[in-house]
Protein backbone atom coordinates (compact mmCIF):
# COMPACT_ATOMS: atom_id res chain seq x y z
CA MET A 1 2.52 -13.11 -2.25
CA ILE A 2 -0.40 -11.80 -4.25
CA ALA A 3 -2.74 -13.07 -1.54
CA LEU A 4 -0.82 -11.02 1.04
CA PHE A 5 -1.29 -7.87 -1.02
CA VAL A 6 -4.99 -8.64 -1.47
CA ALA A 7 -5.33 -9.14 2.30
CA PHE A 8 -3.53 -5.83 2.88
CA LEU A 9 -5.85 -4.16 0.39
CA PHE A 10 -8.99 -5.45 2.11
CA ALA A 11 -7.70 -4.49 5.56
CA ALA A 12 -6.76 -0.99 4.42
CA VAL A 13 -10.11 -0.46 2.68
CA ARG A 14 -11.87 -1.55 5.86
CA ILE A 15 -9.81 0.97 7.84
CA ALA A 16 -10.77 3.69 5.36
CA GLN A 17 -14.46 2.78 5.61
CA GLN A 18 -14.42 3.05 9.40
CA CYS A 19 -12.98 6.57 9.42
CA THR A 20 -15.32 9.28 10.60
CA ASN A 21 -13.11 12.18 9.49
CA SER A 22 -12.93 12.80 5.75
CA PHE A 23 -9.26 13.83 5.88
CA THR A 24 -8.14 10.60 7.54
CA ARG A 25 -10.32 8.65 5.11
CA LEU A 26 -8.57 10.30 2.17
CA VAL A 27 -5.16 9.64 3.70
CA ALA A 28 -6.05 5.97 4.20
CA VAL A 29 -7.33 5.65 0.64
CA GLY A 30 -4.21 7.37 -0.67
CA ILE A 31 -1.85 5.05 1.19
CA THR A 32 -3.85 2.02 0.08
CA THR A 33 -3.89 3.12 -3.55
CA TRP A 34 -0.19 3.98 -3.53
CA ILE A 35 0.93 0.59 -2.21
CA ALA A 36 -1.58 -1.41 -4.27
CA VAL A 37 -0.69 0.31 -7.55
CA GLU A 38 3.03 -0.03 -6.88
CA ALA A 39 2.57 -3.75 -6.23
CA LEU A 40 0.39 -4.14 -9.32
CA ILE A 41 2.97 -2.42 -11.54
CA ASN A 42 5.78 -4.56 -10.15
CA ILE A 43 3.84 -7.80 -10.54
CA ALA A 44 2.82 -6.85 -14.08
CA SER A 45 6.42 -6.05 -15.01
CA VAL A 46 7.62 -9.37 -13.62
CA ARG A 47 4.94 -11.16 -15.66
CA ARG A 48 6.10 -9.12 -18.69
CA LEU A 49 2.70 -7.51 -19.16
CA VAL A 50 4.27 -4.03 -19.03
CA GLY A 51 7.81 -2.80 -19.45
CA GLY A 52 10.14 -2.87 -16.47
CA HIS A 53 9.87 0.32 -14.48
CA GLY A 54 12.43 -0.44 -11.78
CA ASN A 55 10.16 0.13 -8.81
CA PRO A 56 10.58 -2.29 -5.89
CA LEU A 57 7.87 -4.64 -4.73
CA PRO A 58 6.43 -3.09 -1.56
CA PHE A 59 7.72 -4.66 1.67
CA PHE A 60 9.73 -7.38 -0.13
CA SER A 61 12.24 -5.94 -2.58
CA TYR A 62 15.45 -4.33 -1.49
CA GLY A 63 15.16 -0.58 -1.49
CA GLY A 64 16.12 1.41 1.57
CA THR A 65 14.19 4.62 0.97
CA ALA A 66 11.18 2.86 -0.52
CA LEU A 67 10.97 0.48 2.43
CA ILE A 68 11.25 3.28 4.98
CA THR A 69 8.50 5.34 3.33
CA GLU A 70 6.20 2.32 2.97
CA LEU A 71 6.65 1.31 6.60
CA THR A 72 6.04 4.90 7.68
CA ALA A 73 2.85 4.95 5.60
CA VAL A 74 1.66 1.68 7.14
CA GLY A 75 2.41 3.10 10.59
CA LEU A 76 0.26 6.09 9.72
CA LEU A 77 -2.46 3.74 8.49
CA TYR A 78 -2.23 1.81 11.76
CA ASN A 79 -2.57 5.06 13.70
CA ILE A 80 -5.66 5.95 11.68
CA ALA A 81 -7.13 2.52 12.46
CA HIS A 82 -6.33 2.88 16.15
CA ASP A 83 -7.98 6.31 16.38
CA SER A 84 -11.16 5.32 14.53
C-alpha cells in the first residue's frame, strides 16, 4: 500500500513539473501534498509513531466525504495532466 502512495506521489510530481502555468502547478502541488501528508499521518498513527488523529487513509478507508473530495481532487489532477 505504501508503494501505491509512492507511485501516486511520483506521478503527481511529474504532472506538476510538466505544467506550464504557475497556477495549475500550484494546484497540482497542493493536491499532491494534501494526499501525501494525509497518508503519511495515517500510516504513522497506525504504526503508533504519532497519536491517532482519526483521519481516513486516502482512497482506502471508509469515509464518504473524504473519499468524494479526494476523488474530485484526483480528477482535477487528471484534468491538469491532460491539458499540459
